[in-house]
Amino acid sequence: MGKLDALGKEIGDIRDDMKDSEDKSDVSRATVHRRLDEVVTRTGYLESDMNTVKNDMKTVKTVTDEVTRWKQAGMGALAVTGIGSSALTAIILSYWAEIVKILRGG
């Protein structure tokens, strides 16, 4: 009977070891699930933040496009002003002698 008692004790020890291992596995799985839930939550926050950034970038792009249009319009206005000034200067220079005569009263 001693061998049966020893065998029963060994089986009991194995069961205890399995129970301890199962308990540790449960704790480990719970930790993994908690961390996974944290990752899911953080991913949700990131998606929300990215949507905010995308919307902000749309606004920034609109403003940038508008400023670019202003710049182009300003360059066009400067070009027209430059051409007009050049034409006026050419007219004044070509009639300079007559203009001076008129201004001197003669």
N, C-alpha and C. Protein backbone atom coordinates (compact mmCIF):
# COMPACT_ATOMS: atom_id res chain seq x y z
N MET A 1 0.81 -1.19 0.00
CA MET A 1 0.00 0.00 0.00
C MET A 1 0.86 1.26 0.00
N GLY A 2 2.06 1.17 0.42
CA GLY A 2 2.93 2.32 0.49
C GLY A 2 3.17 2.93 -0.87
N LYS A 3 3.26 2.06 -1.86
CA LYS A 3 3.50 2.57 -3.21
C LYS A 3 2.28 3.32 -3.73
N LEU A 4 1.09 2.83 -3.40
CA LEU A 4 -0.13 3.52 -3.83
C LEU A 4 -0.25 4.87 -3.13
N ASP A 5 0.10 4.92 -1.87
CA ASP A 5 0.05 6.19 -1.15
C ASP A 5 1.04 7.19 -1.76
N ALA A 6 2.24 6.68 -2.09
CA ALA A 6 3.25 7.54 -2.70
C ALA A 6 2.78 8.03 -4.06
N LEU A 7 2.17 7.12 -4.82
CA LEU A 7 1.65 7.48 -6.14
C LEU A 7 0.53 8.52 -6.01
N GLY A 8 -0.35 8.32 -5.05
CA GLY A 8 -1.44 9.27 -4.79
C GLY A 8 -0.89 10.64 -4.41
N LYS A 9 0.17 10.63 -3.56
CA LYS A 9 0.79 11.89 -3.17
C LYS A 9 1.42 12.58 -4.37
N GLU A 10 2.10 11.82 -5.22
CA GLU A 10 2.71 12.39 -6.44
C GLU A 10 1.64 12.99 -7.34
N ILE A 11 0.54 12.28 -7.51
CA ILE A 11 -0.56 12.80 -8.35
C ILE A 11 -1.12 14.08 -7.72
N GLY A 12 -1.26 14.11 -6.42
CA GLY A 12 -1.73 15.32 -5.72
C GLY A 12 -0.78 16.48 -5.93
N ASP A 13 0.54 16.18 -5.83
CA ASP A 13 1.53 17.23 -6.06
C ASP A 13 1.46 17.76 -7.49
N ILE A 14 1.30 16.83 -8.44
CA ILE A 14 1.18 17.24 -9.84
C ILE A 14 -0.06 18.12 -10.03
N ARG A 15 -1.17 17.74 -9.40
CA ARG A 15 -2.39 18.55 -9.49
C ARG A 15 -2.17 19.95 -8.89
N ASP A 16 -1.49 19.99 -7.75
CA ASP A 16 -1.20 21.29 -7.13
C ASP A 16 -0.34 22.15 -8.05
N ASP A 17 0.69 21.51 -8.64
CA ASP A 17 1.55 22.25 -9.57
C ASP A 17 0.76 22.76 -10.77
N MET A 18 -0.13 21.90 -11.28
CA MET A 18 -0.95 22.32 -12.43
C MET A 18 -1.87 23.47 -12.04
N LYS A 19 -2.45 23.40 -10.83
CA LYS A 19 -3.33 24.46 -10.35
C LYS A 19 -2.55 25.77 -10.21
N ASP A 20 -1.34 25.70 -9.64
CA ASP A 20 -0.50 26.89 -9.51
C ASP A 20 -0.17 27.47 -10.89
N SER A 21 0.17 26.58 -11.81
CA SER A 21 0.50 27.02 -13.17
C SER A 21 -0.72 27.66 -13.83
N GLU A 22 -1.88 27.07 -13.62
CA GLU A 22 -3.11 27.61 -14.20
C GLU A 22 -3.42 28.99 -13.60
N ASP A 23 -3.23 29.13 -12.29
CA ASP A 23 -3.46 30.43 -11.64
C ASP A 23 -2.52 31.49 -12.20
N LYS A 24 -1.25 31.13 -12.35
CA LYS A 24 -0.28 32.07 -12.90
C LYS A 24 -0.64 32.44 -14.34
N SER A 25 -1.10 31.44 -15.09
CA SER A 25 -1.51 31.70 -16.48
C SER A 25 -2.71 32.64 -16.52
N ASP A 26 -3.66 32.45 -15.59
CA ASP A 26 -4.82 33.34 -15.54
C ASP A 26 -4.39 34.78 -15.27
N VAL A 27 -3.47 34.95 -14.32
CA VAL A 27 -2.97 36.29 -14.01
C VAL A 27 -2.25 36.88 -15.22
N SER A 28 -1.44 36.06 -15.88
CA SER A 28 -0.70 36.53 -17.04
C SER A 28 -1.65 36.92 -18.17
N ARG A 29 -2.65 36.10 -18.43
CA ARG A 29 -3.63 36.42 -19.47
C ARG A 29 -4.39 37.69 -19.13
N ALA A 30 -4.75 37.84 -17.86
CA ALA A 30 -5.47 39.05 -17.44
C ALA A 30 -4.60 40.28 -17.69
N THR A 31 -3.31 40.17 -17.41
CA THR A 31 -2.39 41.28 -17.65
C THR A 31 -2.31 41.59 -19.14
N VAL A 32 -2.20 40.55 -19.95
CA VAL A 32 -2.13 40.74 -21.41
C VAL A 32 -3.41 41.41 -21.91
N HIS A 33 -4.57 40.96 -21.43
CA HIS A 33 -5.83 41.55 -21.88
C HIS A 33 -5.94 43.01 -21.43
N ARG A 34 -5.49 43.31 -20.21
CA ARG A 34 -5.53 44.69 -19.72
C ARG A 34 -4.65 45.57 -20.60
N ARG A 35 -3.46 45.08 -20.91
CA ARG A 35 -2.55 45.86 -21.76
C ARG A 35 -3.12 46.02 -23.16
N LEU A 36 -3.74 44.98 -23.68
CA LEU A 36 -4.35 45.06 -25.00
C LEU A 36 -5.48 46.09 -24.99
N ASP A 37 -6.27 46.10 -23.92
CA ASP A 37 -7.33 47.12 -23.81
C ASP A 37 -6.73 48.52 -23.79
N GLU A 38 -5.60 48.69 -23.09
CA GLU A 38 -4.93 49.99 -23.06
C GLU A 38 -4.47 50.39 -24.46
N VAL A 39 -3.93 49.43 -25.20
CA VAL A 39 -3.47 49.71 -26.57
C VAL A 39 -4.65 50.11 -27.45
N VAL A 40 -5.76 49.42 -27.31
CA VAL A 40 -6.96 49.75 -28.09
C VAL A 40 -7.43 51.16 -27.76
N THR A 41 -7.43 51.50 -26.48
CA THR A 41 -7.85 52.84 -26.06
C THR A 41 -6.92 53.90 -26.63
N ARG A 42 -5.62 53.65 -26.51
CA ARG A 42 -4.64 54.62 -27.02
C ARG A 42 -4.75 54.75 -28.54
N THR A 43 -5.00 53.64 -29.23
CA THR A 43 -5.17 53.68 -30.69
C THR A 43 -6.39 54.52 -31.05
N GLY A 44 -7.45 54.38 -30.28
CA GLY A 44 -8.64 55.21 -30.51
C GLY A 44 -8.33 56.69 -30.35
N TYR A 45 -7.56 57.02 -29.31
CA TYR A 45 -7.16 58.42 -29.11
C TYR A 45 -6.31 58.91 -30.28
N LEU A 46 -5.39 58.06 -30.74
CA LEU A 46 -4.55 58.45 -31.87
C LEU A 46 -5.37 58.70 -33.13
N GLU A 47 -6.35 57.83 -33.38
CA GLU A 47 -7.21 58.02 -34.55
C GLU A 47 -7.97 59.34 -34.44
N SER A 48 -8.47 59.62 -33.24
CA SER A 48 -9.19 60.87 -33.03
C SER A 48 -8.27 62.07 -33.25
N ASP A 49 -7.07 61.99 -32.69
CA ASP A 49 -6.10 63.08 -32.87
C ASP A 49 -5.72 63.25 -34.33
N MET A 50 -5.58 62.16 -35.06
CA MET A 50 -5.22 62.24 -36.48
C MET A 50 -6.35 62.90 -37.27
N ASN A 51 -7.59 62.60 -36.92
CA ASN A 51 -8.71 63.26 -37.61
C ASN A 51 -8.68 64.76 -37.35
N THR A 52 -8.35 65.14 -36.11
CA THR A 52 -8.24 66.56 -35.79
C THR A 52 -7.12 67.21 -36.60
N VAL A 53 -5.99 66.52 -36.69
CA VAL A 53 -4.86 67.05 -37.47
C VAL A 53 -5.24 67.19 -38.93
N LYS A 54 -5.94 66.19 -39.47
CA LYS A 54 -6.36 66.26 -40.88
C LYS A 54 -7.26 67.47 -41.11
N ASN A 55 -8.21 67.68 -40.19
CA ASN A 55 -9.11 68.83 -40.34
C ASN A 55 -8.34 70.14 -40.24
N ASP A 56 -7.39 70.21 -39.30
CA ASP A 56 -6.57 71.41 -39.17
C ASP A 56 -5.74 71.64 -40.43
N MET A 57 -5.23 70.59 -41.01
CA MET A 57 -4.42 70.72 -42.23
C MET A 57 -5.26 71.22 -43.39
N LYS A 58 -6.54 70.82 -43.44
CA LYS A 58 -7.42 71.34 -44.49
C LYS A 58 -7.53 72.86 -44.35
N THR A 59 -7.69 73.34 -43.12
CA THR A 59 -7.77 74.77 -42.88
C THR A 59 -6.47 75.46 -43.25
N VAL A 60 -5.36 74.86 -42.85
CA VAL A 60 -4.05 75.43 -43.17
C VAL A 60 -3.86 75.50 -44.68
N LYS A 61 -4.26 74.45 -45.39
CA LYS A 61 -4.12 74.43 -46.85
C LYS A 61 -4.96 75.53 -47.49
N THR A 62 -6.17 75.72 -46.97
CA THR A 62 -7.03 76.77 -47.50
C THR A 62 -6.37 78.14 -47.33
N VAL A 63 -5.84 78.39 -46.15
CA VAL A 63 -5.18 79.68 -45.89
C VAL A 63 -3.94 79.83 -46.76
N THR A 64 -3.16 78.76 -46.88
CA THR A 64 -1.95 78.80 -47.70
C THR A 64 -2.29 79.09 -49.16
N ASP A 65 -3.34 78.45 -49.67
CA ASP A 65 -3.76 78.71 -51.05
C ASP A 65 -4.18 80.17 -51.22
N GLU A 66 -4.89 80.70 -50.22
CA GLU A 66 -5.34 82.09 -50.30
C GLU A 66 -4.15 83.05 -50.29
N VAL A 67 -3.18 82.80 -49.44
CA VAL A 67 -1.98 83.65 -49.38
C VAL A 67 -1.21 83.56 -50.69
N THR A 68 -1.15 82.37 -51.27
CA THR A 68 -0.47 82.20 -52.57
C THR A 68 -1.16 83.03 -53.64
N ARG A 69 -2.49 83.03 -53.63
CA ARG A 69 -3.24 83.85 -54.60
C ARG A 69 -2.94 85.34 -54.39
N TRP A 70 -2.89 85.77 -53.13
CA TRP A 70 -2.56 87.17 -52.84
C TRP A 70 -1.17 87.51 -53.36
N LYS A 71 -0.24 86.62 -53.15
CA LYS A 71 1.13 86.85 -53.61
C LYS A 71 1.17 86.99 -55.13
N GLN A 72 0.48 86.10 -55.82
CA GLN A 72 0.46 86.16 -57.28
C GLN A 72 -0.21 87.44 -57.76
N ALA A 73 -1.30 87.83 -57.09
CA ALA A 73 -1.98 89.07 -57.48
C ALA A 73 -1.06 90.27 -57.23
N GLY A 74 -0.35 90.26 -56.12
CA GLY A 74 0.59 91.35 -55.82
C GLY A 74 1.70 91.43 -56.83
N MET A 75 2.23 90.28 -57.24
CA MET A 75 3.29 90.26 -58.25
C MET A 75 2.76 90.78 -59.58
N GLY A 76 1.53 90.42 -59.90
CA GLY A 76 0.92 90.92 -61.13
C GLY A 76 0.73 92.42 -61.08
N ALA A 77 0.28 92.92 -59.91
CA ALA A 77 0.08 94.37 -59.77
C ALA A 77 1.41 95.10 -59.87
N LEU A 78 2.46 94.53 -59.28
CA LEU A 78 3.79 95.15 -59.40
C LEU A 78 4.27 95.17 -60.85
N ALA A 79 4.00 94.10 -61.56
CA ALA A 79 4.41 94.03 -62.97
C ALA A 79 3.68 95.10 -63.78
N VAL A 80 2.38 95.22 -63.57
CA VAL A 80 1.60 96.23 -64.29
C VAL A 80 2.08 97.63 -63.93
N THR A 81 2.35 97.86 -62.64
CA THR A 81 2.86 99.16 -62.20
C THR A 81 4.21 99.45 -62.83
N GLY A 82 5.07 98.45 -62.88
CA GLY A 82 6.39 98.61 -63.50
C GLY A 82 6.29 98.94 -64.97
N ILE A 83 5.42 98.25 -65.67
CA ILE A 83 5.23 98.52 -67.11
C ILE A 83 4.67 99.92 -67.31
N GLY A 84 3.68 100.29 -66.48
CA GLY A 84 3.10 101.63 -66.59
C GLY A 84 4.13 102.71 -66.30
N SER A 85 4.94 102.49 -65.27
CA SER A 85 6.00 103.46 -64.93
C SER A 85 7.01 103.58 -66.06
N SER A 86 7.36 102.46 -66.64
CA SER A 86 8.31 102.48 -67.76
C SER A 86 7.73 103.24 -68.94
N ALA A 87 6.47 103.02 -69.23
CA ALA A 87 5.83 103.72 -70.35
C ALA A 87 5.77 105.22 -70.08
N LEU A 88 5.40 105.59 -68.84
CA LEU A 88 5.34 107.01 -68.49
C LEU A 88 6.72 107.64 -68.57
N THR A 89 7.73 106.93 -68.09
CA THR A 89 9.11 107.43 -68.16
C THR A 89 9.54 107.61 -69.62
N ALA A 90 9.20 106.66 -70.47
CA ALA A 90 9.56 106.76 -71.88
C ALA A 90 8.88 107.97 -72.53
N ILE A 91 7.62 108.20 -72.20
CA ILE A 91 6.90 109.35 -72.76
C ILE A 91 7.52 110.65 -72.28
N ILE A 92 7.81 110.71 -70.97
CA ILE A 92 8.41 111.94 -70.42
C ILE A 92 9.76 112.21 -71.06
N LEU A 93 10.58 111.16 -71.21
CA LEU A 93 11.91 111.35 -71.80
C LEU A 93 11.83 111.75 -73.26
N SER A 94 10.89 111.17 -73.99
CA SER A 94 10.81 111.51 -75.41
C SER A 94 10.29 112.93 -75.62
N TYR A 95 9.49 113.45 -74.71
CA TYR A 95 8.97 114.81 -74.85
C TYR A 95 9.60 115.76 -73.83
N TRP A 96 10.74 115.41 -73.28
CA TRP A 96 11.37 116.20 -72.23
C TRP A 96 11.67 117.64 -72.66
N ALA A 97 12.18 117.79 -73.81
CA ALA A 97 12.52 119.14 -74.29
C ALA A 97 11.26 120.00 -74.37
N GLU A 98 10.18 119.46 -74.90
CA GLU A 98 8.93 120.21 -75.01
C GLU A 98 8.35 120.52 -73.63
N ILE A 99 8.46 119.56 -72.70
CA ILE A 99 7.94 119.76 -71.34
C ILE A 99 8.70 120.89 -70.65
N VAL A 100 10.02 120.89 -70.78
CA VAL A 100 10.83 121.94 -70.16
C VAL A 100 10.47 123.29 -70.76
N LYS A 101 10.27 123.34 -72.08
CA LYS A 101 9.89 124.59 -72.75
C LYS A 101 8.58 125.13 -72.19
N ILE A 102 7.61 124.25 -72.05
CA ILE A 102 6.29 124.66 -71.56
C ILE A 102 6.40 125.14 -70.11
N LEU A 103 7.18 124.44 -69.31
CA LEU A 103 7.33 124.83 -67.91
C LEU A 103 8.06 126.16 -67.76
N ARG A 104 8.94 126.50 -68.67
CA ARG A 104 9.68 127.77 -68.61
C ARG A 104 8.84 128.91 -69.22
N GLY A 105 7.73 128.56 -69.72
CA GLY A 105 6.84 129.60 -70.23
C GLY A 105 7.01 129.89 -71.69
N GLY A 106 7.55 128.96 -72.35
CA GLY A 106 7.83 129.35 -73.68
C GLY A 106 7.49 128.49 -74.77
